[in-house]
C-alpha atoms as a PDB file:
ATOM      1  CA  MET A   1     -17.501  10.358  -7.940  1.00  0.00           C
ATOM      2  CA  ASP A   2     -16.146   5.639  -8.537  1.00  0.00           C
ATOM      3  CA  ASN A   3     -13.354   5.054  -8.105  1.00  0.00           C
ATOM      4  CA  LYS A   4     -11.155   4.813 -12.033  1.00  0.00           C
ATOM      5  CA  ILE A   5     -11.735   8.153 -11.977  1.00  0.00           C
ATOM      6  CA  ASN A   6     -10.669   9.151  -8.039  1.00  0.00           C
ATOM      7  CA  LYS A   7      -7.493   6.721  -9.125  1.00  0.00           C
ATOM      8  CA  ALA A   8      -7.378   8.844 -12.312  1.00  0.00           C
ATOM      9  CA  ILE A   9      -7.308  12.307 -10.248  1.00  0.00           C
ATOM     10  CA  ALA A  10      -5.216  11.459  -7.206  1.00  0.00           C
ATOM     11  CA  ASP A  11      -2.691  11.593  -9.207  1.00  0.00           C
ATOM     12  CA  GLU A  12      -1.033  15.980  -9.052  1.00  0.00           C
ATOM     13  CA  THR A  13       0.273  15.807 -12.132  1.00  0.00           C
ATOM     14  CA  ARG A  14      -2.685  13.869 -14.066  1.00  0.00           C
ATOM     15  CA  PHE A  15      -4.472  16.341 -11.688  1.00  0.00           C
ATOM     16  CA  LYS A  16      -3.344  18.966 -13.432  1.00  0.00           C
ATOM     17  CA  LEU A  17      -3.636  18.214 -16.675  1.00  0.00           C
ATOM     18  CA  PHE A  18      -6.969  17.023 -16.326  1.00  0.00           C
ATOM     19  CA  GLU A  19      -8.382  20.773 -14.961  1.00  0.00           C
ATOM     20  CA  ARG A  20      -6.021  22.142 -17.994  1.00  0.00           C
ATOM     21  CA  ILE A  21      -7.522  20.290 -20.806  1.00  0.00           C
ATOM     22  CA  GLY A  22     -10.840  21.071 -18.482  1.00  0.00           C
ATOM     23  CA  LYS A  23     -10.499  24.742 -20.130  1.00  0.00           C
ATOM     24  CA  GLY A  24     -10.092  24.152 -23.900  1.00  0.00           C
ATOM     25  CA  GLU A  25      -8.383  21.729 -26.164  1.00  0.00           C
ATOM     26  CA  ILE A  26      -5.181  21.112 -26.301  1.00  0.00           C
ATOM     27  CA  CYS A  27      -2.200  18.862 -28.743  1.00  0.00           C
ATOM     28  CA  ALA A  28      -0.887  16.420 -26.869  1.00  0.00           C
ATOM     29  CA  CYS A  29       2.642  18.175 -27.500  1.00  0.00           C
ATOM     30  CA  GLU A  30       1.585  20.951 -25.395  1.00  0.00           C
ATOM     31  CA  LEU A  31       1.496  19.934 -22.382  1.00  0.00           C
ATOM     32  CA  PRO A  32       4.108  18.534 -21.680  1.00  0.00           C
ATOM     33  CA  LYS A  33       5.574  21.758 -20.856  1.00  0.00           C
ATOM     34  CA  PHE A  34       2.866  22.308 -19.280  1.00  0.00           C
ATOM     35  CA  VAL A  35       2.963  20.315 -16.078  1.00  0.00           C
ATOM     36  CA  GLY A  36       7.611  20.284 -16.509  1.00  0.00           C
ATOM     37  CA  THR A  37       8.180  15.963 -17.638  1.00  0.00           C
ATOM     38  CA  SER A  38       8.980  13.994 -20.321  1.00  0.00           C
ATOM     39  CA  GLN A  39       6.346  13.459 -23.359  1.00  0.00           C
ATOM     40  CA  PRO A  40       6.039   9.797 -22.220  1.00  0.00           C
ATOM     41  CA  ALA A  41       5.489   9.983 -18.873  1.00  0.00           C
ATOM     42  CA  VAL A  42       2.103  13.326 -19.582  1.00  0.00           C
ATOM     43  CA  SER A  43       1.257  10.180 -22.165  1.00  0.00           C
ATOM     44  CA  GLN A  44       0.592   7.415 -19.496  1.00  0.00           C
ATOM     45  CA  HIS A  45      -0.735   9.780 -17.663  1.00  0.00           C
ATOM     46  CA  LEU A  46      -3.365  11.071 -21.475  1.00  0.00           C
ATOM     47  CA  LYS A  47      -3.788   7.258 -21.103  1.00  0.00           C
ATOM     48  CA  VAL A  48      -5.174   6.766 -17.806  1.00  0.00           C
ATOM     49  CA  LEU A  49      -7.110   9.897 -17.863  1.00  0.00           C
ATOM     50  CA  PHE A  50      -8.580   9.113 -21.031  1.00  0.00           C
ATOM     51  CA  GLN A  51      -9.356   5.079 -19.496  1.00  0.00           C
ATOM     52  CA  ALA A  52     -11.550   7.010 -16.829  1.00  0.00           C
ATOM     53  CA  ASP A  53     -13.313   8.580 -19.439  1.00  0.00           C
ATOM     54  CA  LEU A  54     -12.262  11.589 -18.496  1.00  0.00           C
ATOM     55  CA  VAL A  55     -11.092  13.070 -21.291  1.00  0.00           C
ATOM     56  CA  LYS A  56     -11.703  12.520 -25.463  1.00  0.00           C
ATOM     57  CA  MET A  57      -8.686  12.776 -28.120  1.00  0.00           C
ATOM     58  CA  ARG A  58      -9.206  13.985 -32.012  1.00  0.00           C
ATOM     59  CA  LYS A  59      -6.571  13.205 -34.197  1.00  0.00           C
ATOM     60  CA  ASN A  60      -6.103  16.123 -36.567  1.00  0.00           C
ATOM     61  CA  GLY A  61      -3.043  15.268 -38.731  1.00  0.00           C
ATOM     62  CA  VAL A  62      -0.993  13.307 -36.687  1.00  0.00           C
ATOM     63  CA  LYS A  63      -1.666  15.586 -33.605  1.00  0.00           C
ATOM     64  CA  ARG A  64      -3.268  14.344 -31.326  1.00  0.00           C
ATOM     65  CA  LEU A  65      -5.925  17.230 -29.101  1.00  0.00           C
ATOM     66  CA  TYR A  66      -7.392  16.431 -26.537  1.00  0.00           C
ATOM     67  CA  SER A  67     -10.403  18.354 -23.846  1.00  0.00           C
ATOM     68  CA  ILE A  68     -12.596  17.522 -21.636  1.00  0.00           C
ATOM     69  CA  SER A  69     -14.970  14.625 -21.848  1.00  0.00           C
ATOM     70  CA  LYS A  70     -19.068  14.695 -21.093  1.00  0.00           C
ATOM     71  CA  LYS A  71     -18.306  12.465 -17.240  1.00  0.00           C
ATOM     72  CA  GLY A  72     -14.757  15.326 -16.675  1.00  0.00           C
ATOM     73  CA  LYS A  73     -17.183  17.810 -17.514  1.00  0.00           C
ATOM     74  CA  MET A  74     -19.210  15.932 -14.209  1.00  0.00           C
ATOM     75  CA  VAL A  75     -16.588  15.559 -12.181  1.00  0.00           C
ATOM     76  CA  LEU A  76     -14.660  19.385 -12.346  1.00  0.00           C
ATOM     77  CA  ALA A  77     -18.339  20.825 -11.248  1.00  0.00           C
ATOM     78  CA  ASP A  78     -18.021  18.189  -8.472  1.00  0.00           C
ATOM     79  CA  ILE A  79     -14.587  19.411  -7.335  1.00  0.00           C
ATOM     80  CA  SER A  80     -15.959  23.162  -8.313  1.00  0.00           C
ATOM     81  CA  ARG A  81     -17.694  23.036  -5.311  1.00  0.00           C
ATOM     82  CA  TRP A  82     -15.888  20.999  -2.570  1.00  0.00           C
END
């Protein structure tokens, strides 16, 4: 794994978000209650995951829906073998 990916998933909250998004597409609005933090904090974590190309985002009206990227799937598969 490259350094950008390692930094992205090294944070416990980002890793929880990454694992949850890996289970299926989810609205960003649902993630704060999942990790117990504020929407702005979740947005910052999602930005890091997005910049590391681990997740992808699509808009549906005013909602932002996050799903796992192709690279993210490979990273999750690698992690599951640990």
